[in-house]
């Protein structure tokens, strides 16, 4: 809903956030 989402599920989709950080 807007800016809010299930925390665990969004990280499950994204995987390693470090890779996204390395891409700016």
PDBML (XML) file of the C-alpha atoms, coordinates in Angstrom:
<?xml version="1.0" encoding="UTF-8" ?>
<PDBx:datablock datablockName="MODEL"
   xmlns:PDBx="http://pdbml.pdb.org/schema/pdbx-v50.xsd"
   xmlns:xsi="http://www.w3.org/2001/XMLSchema-instance"
   xsi:schemaLocation="http://pdbml.pdb.org/schema/pdbx-v50.xsd pdbx-v50.xsd">
   <PDBx:atom_siteCategory>
      <PDBx:atom_site id="1">
         <PDBx:B_iso_or_equiv>0.00</PDBx:B_iso_or_equiv>
         <PDBx:Cartn_x>0.000</PDBx:Cartn_x>
         <PDBx:Cartn_y>0.000</PDBx:Cartn_y>
         <PDBx:Cartn_z>0.000</PDBx:Cartn_z>
         <PDBx:auth_asym_id>A</PDBx:auth_asym_id>
         <PDBx:auth_atom_id>CA</PDBx:auth_atom_id>
         <PDBx:auth_comp_id>UNK</PDBx:auth_comp_id>
         <PDBx:auth_seq_id>1</PDBx:auth_seq_id>
         <PDBx:group_PDB>ATOM</PDBx:group_PDB>
         <PDBx:label_alt_id xsi:nil="true" />
         <PDBx:label_asym_id>A</PDBx:label_asym_id>
         <PDBx:label_atom_id>CA</PDBx:label_atom_id>
         <PDBx:label_comp_id>UNK</PDBx:label_comp_id>
         <PDBx:label_entity_id>1</PDBx:label_entity_id>
         <PDBx:label_seq_id>1</PDBx:label_seq_id>
         <PDBx:occupancy>1.00</PDBx:occupancy>
         <PDBx:pdbx_PDB_model_num>1</PDBx:pdbx_PDB_model_num>
         <PDBx:type_symbol>C</PDBx:type_symbol>
      </PDBx:atom_site>
      <PDBx:atom_site id="2">
         <PDBx:B_iso_or_equiv>0.00</PDBx:B_iso_or_equiv>
         <PDBx:Cartn_x>1.881</PDBx:Cartn_x>
         <PDBx:Cartn_y>3.057</PDBx:Cartn_y>
         <PDBx:Cartn_z>-1.224</PDBx:Cartn_z>
         <PDBx:auth_asym_id>A</PDBx:auth_asym_id>
         <PDBx:auth_atom_id>CA</PDBx:auth_atom_id>
         <PDBx:auth_comp_id>UNK</PDBx:auth_comp_id>
         <PDBx:auth_seq_id>2</PDBx:auth_seq_id>
         <PDBx:group_PDB>ATOM</PDBx:group_PDB>
         <PDBx:label_alt_id xsi:nil="true" />
         <PDBx:label_asym_id>A</PDBx:label_asym_id>
         <PDBx:label_atom_id>CA</PDBx:label_atom_id>
         <PDBx:label_comp_id>UNK</PDBx:label_comp_id>
         <PDBx:label_entity_id>1</PDBx:label_entity_id>
         <PDBx:label_seq_id>2</PDBx:label_seq_id>
         <PDBx:occupancy>1.00</PDBx:occupancy>
         <PDBx:pdbx_PDB_model_num>1</PDBx:pdbx_PDB_model_num>
         <PDBx:type_symbol>C</PDBx:type_symbol>
      </PDBx:atom_site>
      <PDBx:atom_site id="3">
         <PDBx:B_iso_or_equiv>0.00</PDBx:B_iso_or_equiv>
         <PDBx:Cartn_x>5.285</PDBx:Cartn_x>
         <PDBx:Cartn_y>3.093</PDBx:Cartn_y>
         <PDBx:Cartn_z>0.467</PDBx:Cartn_z>
         <PDBx:auth_asym_id>A</PDBx:auth_asym_id>
         <PDBx:auth_atom_id>CA</PDBx:auth_atom_id>
         <PDBx:auth_comp_id>UNK</PDBx:auth_comp_id>
         <PDBx:auth_seq_id>3</PDBx:auth_seq_id>
         <PDBx:group_PDB>ATOM</PDBx:group_PDB>
         <PDBx:label_alt_id xsi:nil="true" />
         <PDBx:label_asym_id>A</PDBx:label_asym_id>
         <PDBx:label_atom_id>CA</PDBx:label_atom_id>
         <PDBx:label_comp_id>UNK</PDBx:label_comp_id>
         <PDBx:label_entity_id>1</PDBx:label_entity_id>
         <PDBx:label_seq_id>3</PDBx:label_seq_id>
         <PDBx:occupancy>1.00</PDBx:occupancy>
         <PDBx:pdbx_PDB_model_num>1</PDBx:pdbx_PDB_model_num>
         <PDBx:type_symbol>C</PDBx:type_symbol>
      </PDBx:atom_site>
      <PDBx:atom_site id="4">
         <PDBx:B_iso_or_equiv>0.00</PDBx:B_iso_or_equiv>
         <PDBx:Cartn_x>4.487</PDBx:Cartn_x>
         <PDBx:Cartn_y>0.059</PDBx:Cartn_y>
         <PDBx:Cartn_z>2.650</PDBx:Cartn_z>
         <PDBx:auth_asym_id>A</PDBx:auth_asym_id>
         <PDBx:auth_atom_id>CA</PDBx:auth_atom_id>
         <PDBx:auth_comp_id>UNK</PDBx:auth_comp_id>
         <PDBx:auth_seq_id>4</PDBx:auth_seq_id>
         <PDBx:group_PDB>ATOM</PDBx:group_PDB>
         <PDBx:label_alt_id xsi:nil="true" />
         <PDBx:label_asym_id>A</PDBx:label_asym_id>
         <PDBx:label_atom_id>CA</PDBx:label_atom_id>
         <PDBx:label_comp_id>UNK</PDBx:label_comp_id>
         <PDBx:label_entity_id>1</PDBx:label_entity_id>
         <PDBx:label_seq_id>4</PDBx:label_seq_id>
         <PDBx:occupancy>1.00</PDBx:occupancy>
         <PDBx:pdbx_PDB_model_num>1</PDBx:pdbx_PDB_model_num>
         <PDBx:type_symbol>C</PDBx:type_symbol>
      </PDBx:atom_site>
      <PDBx:atom_site id="5">
         <PDBx:B_iso_or_equiv>0.00</PDBx:B_iso_or_equiv>
         <PDBx:Cartn_x>5.119</PDBx:Cartn_x>
         <PDBx:Cartn_y>-3.611</PDBx:Cartn_y>
         <PDBx:Cartn_z>1.894</PDBx:Cartn_z>
         <PDBx:auth_asym_id>A</PDBx:auth_asym_id>
         <PDBx:auth_atom_id>CA</PDBx:auth_atom_id>
         <PDBx:auth_comp_id>UNK</PDBx:auth_comp_id>
         <PDBx:auth_seq_id>5</PDBx:auth_seq_id>
         <PDBx:group_PDB>ATOM</PDBx:group_PDB>
         <PDBx:label_alt_id xsi:nil="true" />
         <PDBx:label_asym_id>A</PDBx:label_asym_id>
         <PDBx:label_atom_id>CA</PDBx:label_atom_id>
         <PDBx:label_comp_id>UNK</PDBx:label_comp_id>
         <PDBx:label_entity_id>1</PDBx:label_entity_id>
         <PDBx:label_seq_id>5</PDBx:label_seq_id>
         <PDBx:occupancy>1.00</PDBx:occupancy>
         <PDBx:pdbx_PDB_model_num>1</PDBx:pdbx_PDB_model_num>
         <PDBx:type_symbol>C</PDBx:type_symbol>
      </PDBx:atom_site>
      <PDBx:atom_site id="6">
         <PDBx:B_iso_or_equiv>0.00</PDBx:B_iso_or_equiv>
         <PDBx:Cartn_x>5.944</PDBx:Cartn_x>
         <PDBx:Cartn_y>-6.901</PDBx:Cartn_y>
         <PDBx:Cartn_z>3.607</PDBx:Cartn_z>
         <PDBx:auth_asym_id>A</PDBx:auth_asym_id>
         <PDBx:auth_atom_id>CA</PDBx:auth_atom_id>
         <PDBx:auth_comp_id>UNK</PDBx:auth_comp_id>
         <PDBx:auth_seq_id>6</PDBx:auth_seq_id>
         <PDBx:group_PDB>ATOM</PDBx:group_PDB>
         <PDBx:label_alt_id xsi:nil="true" />
         <PDBx:label_asym_id>A</PDBx:label_asym_id>
         <PDBx:label_atom_id>CA</PDBx:label_atom_id>
         <PDBx:label_comp_id>UNK</PDBx:label_comp_id>
         <PDBx:label_entity_id>1</PDBx:label_entity_id>
         <PDBx:label_seq_id>6</PDBx:label_seq_id>
         <PDBx:occupancy>1.00</PDBx:occupancy>
         <PDBx:pdbx_PDB_model_num>1</PDBx:pdbx_PDB_model_num>
         <PDBx:type_symbol>C</PDBx:type_symbol>
      </PDBx:atom_site>
      <PDBx:atom_site id="7">
         <PDBx:B_iso_or_equiv>0.00</PDBx:B_iso_or_equiv>
         <PDBx:Cartn_x>9.614</PDBx:Cartn_x>
         <PDBx:Cartn_y>-6.673</PDBx:Cartn_y>
         <PDBx:Cartn_z>4.601</PDBx:Cartn_z>
         <PDBx:auth_asym_id>A</PDBx:auth_asym_id>
         <PDBx:auth_atom_id>CA</PDBx:auth_atom_id>
         <PDBx:auth_comp_id>UNK</PDBx:auth_comp_id>
         <PDBx:auth_seq_id>7</PDBx:auth_seq_id>
         <PDBx:group_PDB>ATOM</PDBx:group_PDB>
         <PDBx:label_alt_id xsi:nil="true" />
         <PDBx:label_asym_id>A</PDBx:label_asym_id>
         <PDBx:label_atom_id>CA</PDBx:label_atom_id>
         <PDBx:label_comp_id>UNK</PDBx:label_comp_id>
         <PDBx:label_entity_id>1</PDBx:label_entity_id>
         <PDBx:label_seq_id>7</PDBx:label_seq_id>
         <PDBx:occupancy>1.00</PDBx:occupancy>
         <PDBx:pdbx_PDB_model_num>1</PDBx:pdbx_PDB_model_num>
         <PDBx:type_symbol>C</PDBx:type_symbol>
      </PDBx:atom_site>
      <PDBx:atom_site id="8">
         <PDBx:B_iso_or_equiv>0.00</PDBx:B_iso_or_equiv>
         <PDBx:Cartn_x>10.592</PDBx:Cartn_x>
         <PDBx:Cartn_y>-10.339</PDBx:Cartn_y>
         <PDBx:Cartn_z>4.295</PDBx:Cartn_z>
         <PDBx:auth_asym_id>A</PDBx:auth_asym_id>
         <PDBx:auth_atom_id>CA</PDBx:auth_atom_id>
         <PDBx:auth_comp_id>UNK</PDBx:auth_comp_id>
         <PDBx:auth_seq_id>8</PDBx:auth_seq_id>
         <PDBx:group_PDB>ATOM</PDBx:group_PDB>
         <PDBx:label_alt_id xsi:nil="true" />
         <PDBx:label_asym_id>A</PDBx:label_asym_id>
         <PDBx:label_atom_id>CA</PDBx:label_atom_id>
         <PDBx:label_comp_id>UNK</PDBx:label_comp_id>
         <PDBx:label_entity_id>1</PDBx:label_entity_id>
         <PDBx:label_seq_id>8</PDBx:label_seq_id>
         <PDBx:occupancy>1.00</PDBx:occupancy>
         <PDBx:pdbx_PDB_model_num>1</PDBx:pdbx_PDB_model_num>
         <PDBx:type_symbol>C</PDBx:type_symbol>
      </PDBx:atom_site>
      <PDBx:atom_site id="9">
         <PDBx:B_iso_or_equiv>0.00</PDBx:B_iso_or_equiv>
         <PDBx:Cartn_x>8.806</PDBx:Cartn_x>
         <PDBx:Cartn_y>-10.881</PDBx:Cartn_y>
         <PDBx:Cartn_z>1.001</PDBx:Cartn_z>
         <PDBx:auth_asym_id>A</PDBx:auth_asym_id>
         <PDBx:auth_atom_id>CA</PDBx:auth_atom_id>
         <PDBx:auth_comp_id>UNK</PDBx:auth_comp_id>
         <PDBx:auth_seq_id>9</PDBx:auth_seq_id>
         <PDBx:group_PDB>ATOM</PDBx:group_PDB>
         <PDBx:label_alt_id xsi:nil="true" />
         <PDBx:label_asym_id>A</PDBx:label_asym_id>
         <PDBx:label_atom_id>CA</PDBx:label_atom_id>
         <PDBx:label_comp_id>UNK</PDBx:label_comp_id>
         <PDBx:label_entity_id>1</PDBx:label_entity_id>
         <PDBx:label_seq_id>9</PDBx:label_seq_id>
         <PDBx:occupancy>1.00</PDBx:occupancy>
         <PDBx:pdbx_PDB_model_num>1</PDBx:pdbx_PDB_model_num>
         <PDBx:type_symbol>C</PDBx:type_symbol>
      </PDBx:atom_site>
      <PDBx:atom_site id="10">
         <PDBx:B_iso_or_equiv>0.00</PDBx:B_iso_or_equiv>
         <PDBx:Cartn_x>10.357</PDBx:Cartn_x>
         <PDBx:Cartn_y>-7.855</PDBx:Cartn_y>
         <PDBx:Cartn_z>-0.713</PDBx:Cartn_z>
         <PDBx:auth_asym_id>A</PDBx:auth_asym_id>
         <PDBx:auth_atom_id>CA</PDBx:auth_atom_id>
         <PDBx:auth_comp_id>UNK</PDBx:auth_comp_id>
         <PDBx:auth_seq_id>10</PDBx:auth_seq_id>
         <PDBx:group_PDB>ATOM</PDBx:group_PDB>
         <PDBx:label_alt_id xsi:nil="true" />
         <PDBx:label_asym_id>A</PDBx:label_asym_id>
         <PDBx:label_atom_id>CA</PDBx:label_atom_id>
         <PDBx:label_comp_id>UNK</PDBx:label_comp_id>
         <PDBx:label_entity_id>1</PDBx:label_entity_id>
         <PDBx:label_seq_id>10</PDBx:label_seq_id>
         <PDBx:occupancy>1.00</PDBx:occupancy>
         <PDBx:pdbx_PDB_model_num>1</PDBx:pdbx_PDB_model_num>
         <PDBx:type_symbol>C</PDBx:type_symbol>
      </PDBx:atom_site>
      <PDBx:atom_site id="11">
         <PDBx:B_iso_or_equiv>0.00</PDBx:B_iso_or_equiv>
         <PDBx:Cartn_x>13.844</PDBx:Cartn_x>
         <PDBx:Cartn_y>-9.036</PDBx:Cartn_y>
         <PDBx:Cartn_z>0.270</PDBx:Cartn_z>
         <PDBx:auth_asym_id>A</PDBx:auth_asym_id>
         <PDBx:auth_atom_id>CA</PDBx:auth_atom_id>
         <PDBx:auth_comp_id>UNK</PDBx:auth_comp_id>
         <PDBx:auth_seq_id>11</PDBx:auth_seq_id>
         <PDBx:group_PDB>ATOM</PDBx:group_PDB>
         <PDBx:label_alt_id xsi:nil="true" />
         <PDBx:label_asym_id>A</PDBx:label_asym_id>
         <PDBx:label_atom_id>CA</PDBx:label_atom_id>
         <PDBx:label_comp_id>UNK</PDBx:label_comp_id>
         <PDBx:label_entity_id>1</PDBx:label_entity_id>
         <PDBx:label_seq_id>11</PDBx:label_seq_id>
         <PDBx:occupancy>1.00</PDBx:occupancy>
         <PDBx:pdbx_PDB_model_num>1</PDBx:pdbx_PDB_model_num>
         <PDBx:type_symbol>C</PDBx:type_symbol>
      </PDBx:atom_site>
      <PDBx:atom_site id="12">
         <PDBx:B_iso_or_equiv>0.00</PDBx:B_iso_or_equiv>
         <PDBx:Cartn_x>13.001</PDBx:Cartn_x>
         <PDBx:Cartn_y>-12.546</PDBx:Cartn_y>
         <PDBx:Cartn_z>-0.954</PDBx:Cartn_z>
         <PDBx:auth_asym_id>A</PDBx:auth_asym_id>
         <PDBx:auth_atom_id>CA</PDBx:auth_atom_id>
         <PDBx:auth_comp_id>UNK</PDBx:auth_comp_id>
         <PDBx:auth_seq_id>12</PDBx:auth_seq_id>
         <PDBx:group_PDB>ATOM</PDBx:group_PDB>
         <PDBx:label_alt_id xsi:nil="true" />
         <PDBx:label_asym_id>A</PDBx:label_asym_id>
         <PDBx:label_atom_id>CA</PDBx:label_atom_id>
         <PDBx:label_comp_id>UNK</PDBx:label_comp_id>
         <PDBx:label_entity_id>1</PDBx:label_entity_id>
         <PDBx:label_seq_id>12</PDBx:label_seq_id>
         <PDBx:occupancy>1.00</PDBx:occupancy>
         <PDBx:pdbx_PDB_model_num>1</PDBx:pdbx_PDB_model_num>
         <PDBx:type_symbol>C</PDBx:type_symbol>
      </PDBx:atom_site>
      <PDBx:atom_site id="13">
         <PDBx:B_iso_or_equiv>0.00</PDBx:B_iso_or_equiv>
         <PDBx:Cartn_x>12.260</PDBx:Cartn_x>
         <PDBx:Cartn_y>-11.073</PDBx:Cartn_y>
         <PDBx:Cartn_z>-4.397</PDBx:Cartn_z>
         <PDBx:auth_asym_id>A</PDBx:auth_asym_id>
         <PDBx:auth_atom_id>CA</PDBx:auth_atom_id>
         <PDBx:auth_comp_id>UNK</PDBx:auth_comp_id>
         <PDBx:auth_seq_id>13</PDBx:auth_seq_id>
         <PDBx:group_PDB>ATOM</PDBx:group_PDB>
         <PDBx:label_alt_id xsi:nil="true" />
         <PDBx:label_asym_id>A</PDBx:label_asym_id>
         <PDBx:label_atom_id>CA</PDBx:label_atom_id>
         <PDBx:label_comp_id>UNK</PDBx:label_comp_id>
         <PDBx:label_entity_id>1</PDBx:label_entity_id>
         <PDBx:label_seq_id>13</PDBx:label_seq_id>
         <PDBx:occupancy>1.00</PDBx:occupancy>
         <PDBx:pdbx_PDB_model_num>1</PDBx:pdbx_PDB_model_num>
         <PDBx:type_symbol>C</PDBx:type_symbol>
      </PDBx:atom_site>
      <PDBx:atom_site id="14">
         <PDBx:B_iso_or_equiv>0.00</PDBx:B_iso_or_equiv>
         <PDBx:Cartn_x>15.321</PDBx:Cartn_x>
         <PDBx:Cartn_y>-8.817</PDBx:Cartn_y>
         <PDBx:Cartn_z>-4.497</PDBx:Cartn_z>
         <PDBx:auth_asym_id>A</PDBx:auth_asym_id>
         <PDBx:auth_atom_id>CA</PDBx:auth_atom_id>
         <PDBx:auth_comp_id>UNK</PDBx:auth_comp_id>
         <PDBx:auth_seq_id>14</PDBx:auth_seq_id>
         <PDBx:group_PDB>ATOM</PDBx:group_PDB>
         <PDBx:label_alt_id xsi:nil="true" />
         <PDBx:label_asym_id>A</PDBx:label_asym_id>
         <PDBx:label_atom_id>CA</PDBx:label_atom_id>
         <PDBx:label_comp_id>UNK</PDBx:label_comp_id>
         <PDBx:label_entity_id>1</PDBx:label_entity_id>
         <PDBx:label_seq_id>14</PDBx:label_seq_id>
         <PDBx:occupancy>1.00</PDBx:occupancy>
         <PDBx:pdbx_PDB_model_num>1</PDBx:pdbx_PDB_model_num>
         <PDBx:type_symbol>C</PDBx:type_symbol>
      </PDBx:atom_site>
      <PDBx:atom_site id="15">
         <PDBx:B_iso_or_equiv>0.00</PDBx:B_iso_or_equiv>
         <PDBx:Cartn_x>17.873</PDBx:Cartn_x>
         <PDBx:Cartn_y>-11.286</PDBx:Cartn_y>
         <PDBx:Cartn_z>-3.133</PDBx:Cartn_z>
         <PDBx:auth_asym_id>A</PDBx:auth_asym_id>
         <PDBx:auth_atom_id>CA</PDBx:auth_atom_id>
         <PDBx:auth_comp_id>UNK</PDBx:auth_comp_id>
         <PDBx:auth_seq_id>15</PDBx:auth_seq_id>
         <PDBx:group_PDB>ATOM</PDBx:group_PDB>
         <PDBx:label_alt_id xsi:nil="true" />
         <PDBx:label_asym_id>A</PDBx:label_asym_id>
         <PDBx:label_atom_id>CA</PDBx:label_atom_id>
         <PDBx:label_comp_id>UNK</PDBx:label_comp_id>
         <PDBx:label_entity_id>1</PDBx:label_entity_id>
         <PDBx:label_seq_id>15</PDBx:label_seq_id>
         <PDBx:occupancy>1.00</PDBx:occupancy>
         <PDBx:pdbx_PDB_model_num>1</PDBx:pdbx_PDB_model_num>
         <PDBx:type_symbol>C</PDBx:type_symbol>
      </PDBx:atom_site>
      <PDBx:atom_site id="16">
         <PDBx:B_iso_or_equiv>0.00</PDBx:B_iso_or_equiv>
         <PDBx:Cartn_x>21.268</PDBx:Cartn_x>
         <PDBx:Cartn_y>-9.784</PDBx:Cartn_y>
         <PDBx:Cartn_z>-2.319</PDBx:Cartn_z>
         <PDBx:auth_asym_id>A</PDBx:auth_asym_id>
         <PDBx:auth_atom_id>CA</PDBx:auth_atom_id>
         <PDBx:auth_comp_id>UNK</PDBx:auth_comp_id>
         <PDBx:auth_seq_id>16</PDBx:auth_seq_id>
         <PDBx:group_PDB>ATOM</PDBx:group_PDB>
         <PDBx:label_alt_id xsi:nil="true" />
         <PDBx:label_asym_id>A</PDBx:label_asym_id>
         <PDBx:label_atom_id>CA</PDBx:label_atom_id>
         <PDBx:label_comp_id>UNK</PDBx:label_comp_id>
         <PDBx:label_entity_id>1</PDBx:label_entity_id>
         <PDBx:label_seq_id>16</PDBx:label_seq_id>
         <PDBx:occupancy>1.00</PDBx:occupancy>
         <PDBx:pdbx_PDB_model_num>1</PDBx:pdbx_PDB_model_num>
         <PDBx:type_symbol>C</PDBx:type_symbol>
      </PDBx:atom_site>
      <PDBx:atom_site id="17">
         <PDBx:B_iso_or_equiv>0.00</PDBx:B_iso_or_equiv>
         <PDBx:Cartn_x>20.771</PDBx:Cartn_x>
         <PDBx:Cartn_y>-6.038</PDBx:Cartn_y>
         <PDBx:Cartn_z>-1.955</PDBx:Cartn_z>
         <PDBx:auth_asym_id>A</PDBx:auth_asym_id>
         <PDBx:auth_atom_id>CA</PDBx:auth_atom_id>
         <PDBx:auth_comp_id>UNK</PDBx:auth_comp_id>
         <PDBx:auth_seq_id>17</PDBx:auth_seq_id>
         <PDBx:group_PDB>ATOM</PDBx:group_PDB>
         <PDBx:label_alt_id xsi:nil="true" />
         <PDBx:label_asym_id>A</PDBx:label_asym_id>
         <PDBx:label_atom_id>CA</PDBx:label_atom_id>
         <PDBx:label_comp_id>UNK</PDBx:label_comp_id>
         <PDBx:label_entity_id>1</PDBx:label_entity_id>
         <PDBx:label_seq_id>17</PDBx:label_seq_id>
         <PDBx:occupancy>1.00</PDBx:occupancy>
         <PDBx:pdbx_PDB_model_num>1</PDBx:pdbx_PDB_model_num>
         <PDBx:type_symbol>C</PDBx:type_symbol>
      </PDBx:atom_site>
      <PDBx:atom_site id="18">
         <PDBx:B_iso_or_equiv>0.00</PDBx:B_iso_or_equiv>
         <PDBx:Cartn_x>24.531</PDBx:Cartn_x>
         <PDBx:Cartn_y>-5.532</PDBx:Cartn_y>
         <PDBx:Cartn_z>-2.166</PDBx:Cartn_z>
         <PDBx:auth_asym_id>A</PDBx:auth_asym_id>
         <PDBx:auth_atom_id>CA</PDBx:auth_atom_id>
         <PDBx:auth_comp_id>UNK</PDBx:auth_comp_id>
         <PDBx:auth_seq_id>18</PDBx:auth_seq_id>
         <PDBx:group_PDB>ATOM</PDBx:group_PDB>
         <PDBx:label_alt_id xsi:nil="true" />
         <PDBx:label_asym_id>A</PDBx:label_asym_id>
         <PDBx:label_atom_id>CA</PDBx:label_atom_id>
         <PDBx:label_comp_id>UNK</PDBx:label_comp_id>
         <PDBx:label_entity_id>1</PDBx:label_entity_id>
         <PDBx:label_seq_id>18</PDBx:label_seq_id>
         <PDBx:occupancy>1.00</PDBx:occupancy>
         <PDBx:pdbx_PDB_model_num>1</PDBx:pdbx_PDB_model_num>
         <PDBx:type_symbol>C</PDBx:type_symbol>
      </PDBx:atom_site>
      <PDBx:atom_site id="19">
         <PDBx:B_iso_or_equiv>0.00</PDBx:B_iso_or_equiv>
         <PDBx:Cartn_x>24.414</PDBx:Cartn_x>
         <PDBx:Cartn_y>-6.193</PDBx:Cartn_y>
         <PDBx:Cartn_z>-5.912</PDBx:Cartn_z>
         <PDBx:auth_asym_id>A</PDBx:auth_asym_id>
         <PDBx:auth_atom_id>CA</PDBx:auth_atom_id>
         <PDBx:auth_comp_id>UNK</PDBx:auth_comp_id>
         <PDBx:auth_seq_id>19</PDBx:auth_seq_id>
         <PDBx:group_PDB>ATOM</PDBx:group_PDB>
         <PDBx:label_alt_id xsi:nil="true" />
         <PDBx:label_asym_id>A</PDBx:label_asym_id>
         <PDBx:label_atom_id>CA</PDBx:label_atom_id>
         <PDBx:label_comp_id>UNK</PDBx:label_comp_id>
         <PDBx:label_entity_id>1</PDBx:label_entity_id>
         <PDBx:label_seq_id>19</PDBx:label_seq_id>
         <PDBx:occupancy>1.00</PDBx:occupancy>
         <PDBx:pdbx_PDB_model_num>1</PDBx:pdbx_PDB_model_num>
         <PDBx:type_symbol>C</PDBx:type_symbol>
      </PDBx:atom_site>
      <PDBx:atom_site id="20">
         <PDBx:B_iso_or_equiv>0.00</PDBx:B_iso_or_equiv>
         <PDBx:Cartn_x>21.870</PDBx:Cartn_x>
         <PDBx:Cartn_y>-3.401</PDBx:Cartn_y>
         <PDBx:Cartn_z>-6.392</PDBx:Cartn_z>
         <PDBx:auth_asym_id>A</PDBx:auth_asym_id>
         <PDBx:auth_atom_id>CA</PDBx:auth_atom_id>
         <PDBx:auth_comp_id>UNK</PDBx:auth_comp_id>
         <PDBx:auth_seq_id>20</PDBx:auth_seq_id>
         <PDBx:group_PDB>ATOM</PDBx:group_PDB>
         <PDBx:label_alt_id xsi:nil="true" />
         <PDBx:label_asym_id>A</PDBx:label_asym_id>
         <PDBx:label_atom_id>CA</PDBx:label_atom_id>
         <PDBx:label_comp_id>UNK</PDBx:label_comp_id>
         <PDBx:label_entity_id>1</PDBx:label_entity_id>
         <PDBx:label_seq_id>20</PDBx:label_seq_id>
         <PDBx:occupancy>1.00</PDBx:occupancy>
         <PDBx:pdbx_PDB_model_num>1</PDBx:pdbx_PDB_model_num>
         <PDBx:type_symbol>C</PDBx:type_symbol>
      </PDBx:atom_site>
      <PDBx:atom_site id="21">
         <PDBx:B_iso_or_equiv>0.00</PDBx:B_iso_or_equiv>
         <PDBx:Cartn_x>23.972</PDBx:Cartn_x>
         <PDBx:Cartn_y>-1.049</PDBx:Cartn_y>
         <PDBx:Cartn_z>-4.266</PDBx:Cartn_z>
         <PDBx:auth_asym_id>A</PDBx:auth_asym_id>
         <PDBx:auth_atom_id>CA</PDBx:auth_atom_id>
         <PDBx:auth_comp_id>UNK</PDBx:auth_comp_id>
         <PDBx:auth_seq_id>21</PDBx:auth_seq_id>
         <PDBx:group_PDB>ATOM</PDBx:group_PDB>
         <PDBx:label_alt_id xsi:nil="true" />
         <PDBx:label_asym_id>A</PDBx:label_asym_id>
         <PDBx:label_atom_id>CA</PDBx:label_atom_id>
         <PDBx:label_comp_id>UNK</PDBx:label_comp_id>
         <PDBx:label_entity_id>1</PDBx:label_entity_id>
         <PDBx:label_seq_id>21</PDBx:label_seq_id>
         <PDBx:occupancy>1.00</PDBx:occupancy>
         <PDBx:pdbx_PDB_model_num>1</PDBx:pdbx_PDB_model_num>
         <PDBx:type_symbol>C</PDBx:type_symbol>
      </PDBx:atom_site>
      <PDBx:atom_site id="22">
         <PDBx:B_iso_or_equiv>0.00</PDBx:B_iso_or_equiv>
         <PDBx:Cartn_x>26.991</PDBx:Cartn_x>
         <PDBx:Cartn_y>-1.770</PDBx:Cartn_y>
         <PDBx:Cartn_z>-6.447</PDBx:Cartn_z>
         <PDBx:auth_asym_id>A</PDBx:auth_asym_id>
         <PDBx:auth_atom_id>CA</PDBx:auth_atom_id>
         <PDBx:auth_comp_id>UNK</PDBx:auth_comp_id>
         <PDBx:auth_seq_id>22</PDBx:auth_seq_id>
         <PDBx:group_PDB>ATOM</PDBx:group_PDB>
         <PDBx:label_alt_id xsi:nil="true" />
         <PDBx:label_asym_id>A</PDBx:label_asym_id>
         <PDBx:label_atom_id>CA</PDBx:label_atom_id>
         <PDBx:label_comp_id>UNK</PDBx:label_comp_id>
         <PDBx:label_entity_id>1</PDBx:label_entity_id>
         <PDBx:label_seq_id>22</PDBx:label_seq_id>
         <PDBx:occupancy>1.00</PDBx:occupancy>
         <PDBx:pdbx_PDB_model_num>1</PDBx:pdbx_PDB_model_num>
         <PDBx:type_symbol>C</PDBx:type_symbol>
      </PDBx:atom_site>
      <PDBx:atom_site id="23">
         <PDBx:B_iso_or_equiv>0.00</PDBx:B_iso_or_equiv>
         <PDBx:Cartn_x>24.897</PDBx:Cartn_x>
         <PDBx:Cartn_y>-0.629</PDBx:Cartn_y>
         <PDBx:Cartn_z>-9.416</PDBx:Cartn_z>
         <PDBx:auth_asym_id>A</PDBx:auth_asym_id>
         <PDBx:auth_atom_id>CA</PDBx:auth_atom_id>
         <PDBx:auth_comp_id>UNK</PDBx:auth_comp_id>
         <PDBx:auth_seq_id>23</PDBx:auth_seq_id>
         <PDBx:group_PDB>ATOM</PDBx:group_PDB>
         <PDBx:label_alt_id xsi:nil="true" />
         <PDBx:label_asym_id>A</PDBx:label_asym_id>
         <PDBx:label_atom_id>CA</PDBx:label_atom_id>
         <PDBx:label_comp_id>UNK</PDBx:label_comp_id>
         <PDBx:label_entity_id>1</PDBx:label_entity_id>
         <PDBx:label_seq_id>23</PDBx:label_seq_id>
         <PDBx:occupancy>1.00</PDBx:occupancy>
         <PDBx:pdbx_PDB_model_num>1</PDBx:pdbx_PDB_model_num>
         <PDBx:type_symbol>C</PDBx:type_symbol>
      </PDBx:atom_site>
      <PDBx:atom_site id="24">
         <PDBx:B_iso_or_equiv>0.00</PDBx:B_iso_or_equiv>
         <PDBx:Cartn_x>24.237</PDBx:Cartn_x>
         <PDBx:Cartn_y>2.793</PDBx:Cartn_y>
         <PDBx:Cartn_z>-7.911</PDBx:Cartn_z>
         <PDBx:auth_asym_id>A</PDBx:auth_asym_id>
         <PDBx:auth_atom_id>CA</PDBx:auth_atom_id>
         <PDBx:auth_comp_id>UNK</PDBx:auth_comp_id>
         <PDBx:auth_seq_id>24</PDBx:auth_seq_id>
         <PDBx:group_PDB>ATOM</PDBx:group_PDB>
         <PDBx:label_alt_id xsi:nil="true" />
         <PDBx:label_asym_id>A</PDBx:label_asym_id>
         <PDBx:label_atom_id>CA</PDBx:label_atom_id>
         <PDBx:label_comp_id>UNK</PDBx:label_comp_id>
         <PDBx:label_entity_id>1</PDBx:label_entity_id>
         <PDBx:label_seq_id>24</PDBx:label_seq_id>
         <PDBx:occupancy>1.00</PDBx:occupancy>
         <PDBx:pdbx_PDB_model_num>1</PDBx:pdbx_PDB_model_num>
         <PDBx:type_symbol>C</PDBx:type_symbol>
      </PDBx:atom_site>
   </PDBx:atom_siteCategory>
</PDBx:datablock>
